[in-house]
Amino acid sequence: MGAISLIALIAAAIAFSAGGIVVGKILVRGSKNPQKGQAYECGIPTVTSPWHQFNVGYYLFALLFLIFDVELVFLYPWAVVVKKVGMLALAEVLVFLFILFMGFLYAHKKGALKWS
């Protein structure tokens, strides 16, 4: 039953994806407006080329946010079963949070959290 379910899931995914594209092509009327191809910057007309380099600090800040955000998601399953697993799990989570906090302090000390 596992292989059949997987094949049915893949077929359903392809059908829904292709169906959405086909329905969009049929129902949505396209326009040949040259403004549709321009970059959109919060309603303000573009002044310079959109192909310029950004400060690497923004990229680093986003990566750090993702790392800490994803790590904190791992706390949700623990919170669901905290009463069942007992004190050992509490100690493990405290070690996990300590390591996470040390990573945060390291990033702060290196200046990775400064926006400018």
Protein backbone atom coordinates (compact mmCIF):
# COMPACT_ATOMS: atom_id res chain seq x y z
CA MET A 1 0.00 0.00 0.00
CA GLY A 2 2.94 2.37 0.56
CA ALA A 3 4.08 2.48 -3.08
CA ILE A 4 0.54 2.92 -4.37
CA SER A 5 -0.07 5.78 -1.94
CA LEU A 6 3.15 7.49 -2.99
CA ILE A 7 2.28 7.18 -6.68
CA ALA A 8 -1.23 8.54 -6.00
CA LEU A 9 0.23 11.45 -4.03
CA ILE A 10 2.68 12.32 -6.82
CA ALA A 11 -0.10 12.08 -9.44
CA ALA A 12 -2.35 14.32 -7.34
CA ALA A 13 0.45 16.87 -6.90
CA ILE A 14 1.12 16.96 -10.64
CA ALA A 15 -2.61 17.20 -11.43
CA PHE A 16 -3.20 20.05 -8.97
CA SER A 17 -0.13 21.94 -10.16
CA ALA A 18 -0.88 21.52 -13.84
CA GLY A 19 -4.57 22.23 -13.25
CA GLY A 20 -3.81 25.49 -11.51
CA ILE A 21 -1.55 26.62 -14.33
CA VAL A 22 -4.08 25.64 -17.01
CA VAL A 23 -6.98 27.36 -15.22
CA GLY A 24 -4.82 30.47 -14.76
CA LYS A 25 -3.94 30.55 -18.47
CA ILE A 26 -7.58 30.13 -19.48
CA LEU A 27 -9.24 32.56 -17.06
CA VAL A 28 -6.63 35.31 -16.71
CA ARG A 29 -6.39 37.78 -19.52
CA GLY A 30 -2.80 38.84 -20.15
CA SER A 31 -1.75 42.37 -21.05
CA LYS A 32 1.25 43.57 -22.97
CA ASN A 33 1.92 46.54 -20.71
CA PRO A 34 5.67 47.35 -20.52
CA GLN A 35 5.28 48.45 -16.88
CA LYS A 36 4.54 44.87 -15.86
CA GLY A 37 8.17 43.94 -16.50
CA GLN A 38 9.63 46.69 -14.33
CA ALA A 39 10.84 46.20 -10.78
CA TYR A 40 8.36 47.25 -8.09
CA GLU A 41 9.72 49.10 -5.08
CA CYS A 42 6.81 49.83 -2.75
CA GLY A 43 4.99 51.98 -5.30
CA ILE A 44 7.95 54.28 -5.87
CA PRO A 45 9.27 54.45 -9.45
CA THR A 46 12.70 52.86 -9.75
CA VAL A 47 15.58 55.30 -9.90
CA THR A 48 18.57 53.03 -10.33
CA SER A 49 19.10 49.60 -11.78
CA PRO A 50 17.62 46.86 -9.60
CA TRP A 51 20.79 44.83 -10.13
CA HIS A 52 23.03 46.27 -7.44
CA GLN A 53 24.88 44.63 -4.60
CA PHE A 54 23.47 44.58 -1.11
CA ASN A 55 25.47 44.65 2.07
CA VAL A 56 26.35 41.09 3.12
CA GLY A 57 25.19 41.99 6.63
CA TYR A 58 21.56 41.75 5.52
CA TYR A 59 22.16 38.22 4.27
CA LEU A 60 23.92 37.25 7.50
CA PHE A 61 21.14 38.77 9.58
CA ALA A 62 18.52 36.78 7.64
CA LEU A 63 20.49 33.56 8.02
CA LEU A 64 20.83 34.06 11.75
CA PHE A 65 17.11 34.71 12.02
CA LEU A 66 16.35 31.50 10.14
CA ILE A 67 18.77 29.46 12.23
CA PHE A 68 17.37 30.62 15.55
CA ASP A 69 13.79 30.48 14.31
CA VAL A 70 14.11 26.90 13.06
CA GLU A 71 15.88 25.82 16.23
CA LEU A 72 13.07 27.21 18.35
CA VAL A 73 10.55 25.25 16.29
CA PHE A 74 12.17 22.11 17.72
CA LEU A 75 10.86 23.15 21.14
CA TYR A 76 7.23 22.67 20.09
CA PRO A 77 7.25 18.84 20.04
CA TRP A 78 8.99 18.87 23.40
CA ALA A 79 6.35 21.20 24.85
CA VAL A 80 3.60 18.86 23.68
CA VAL A 81 4.99 15.83 25.53
CA VAL A 82 6.77 17.54 28.44
CA LYS A 83 4.63 15.87 31.12
CA LYS A 84 5.17 12.40 29.67
CA VAL A 85 8.96 12.51 29.30
CA GLY A 86 9.84 13.92 32.71
CA MET A 87 12.88 15.64 34.16
CA LEU A 88 15.45 14.12 31.82
CA ALA A 89 13.84 15.90 28.88
CA LEU A 90 13.83 19.14 30.86
CA ALA A 91 17.57 18.82 31.41
CA GLU A 92 18.12 18.10 27.71
CA VAL A 93 16.09 21.14 26.68
CA LEU A 94 18.03 23.32 29.11
CA VAL A 95 21.29 22.12 27.53
CA PHE A 96 19.80 22.80 24.07
CA LEU A 97 18.75 26.33 25.08
CA PHE A 98 22.16 26.96 26.64
CA ILE A 99 23.91 26.01 23.40
CA LEU A 100 21.47 28.14 21.43
CA PHE A 101 22.04 31.09 23.75
CA MET A 102 25.82 30.70 23.46
CA GLY A 103 25.45 30.84 19.67
CA PHE A 104 23.39 34.00 20.05
CA LEU A 105 26.05 35.57 22.28
CA TYR A 106 28.77 34.62 19.80
CA ALA A 107 26.85 36.22 16.91
CA HIS A 108 26.24 39.32 19.01
CA LYS A 109 29.90 39.58 19.99
CA LYS A 110 31.00 39.26 16.35
CA GLY A 111 28.64 42.10 15.38
CA ALA A 112 26.45 39.95 13.16
CA LEU A 113 23.29 41.38 14.68
CA LYS A 114 24.08 45.01 13.92
CA TRP A 115 21.88 46.25 11.13
CA SER A 116 24.16 48.94 9.69
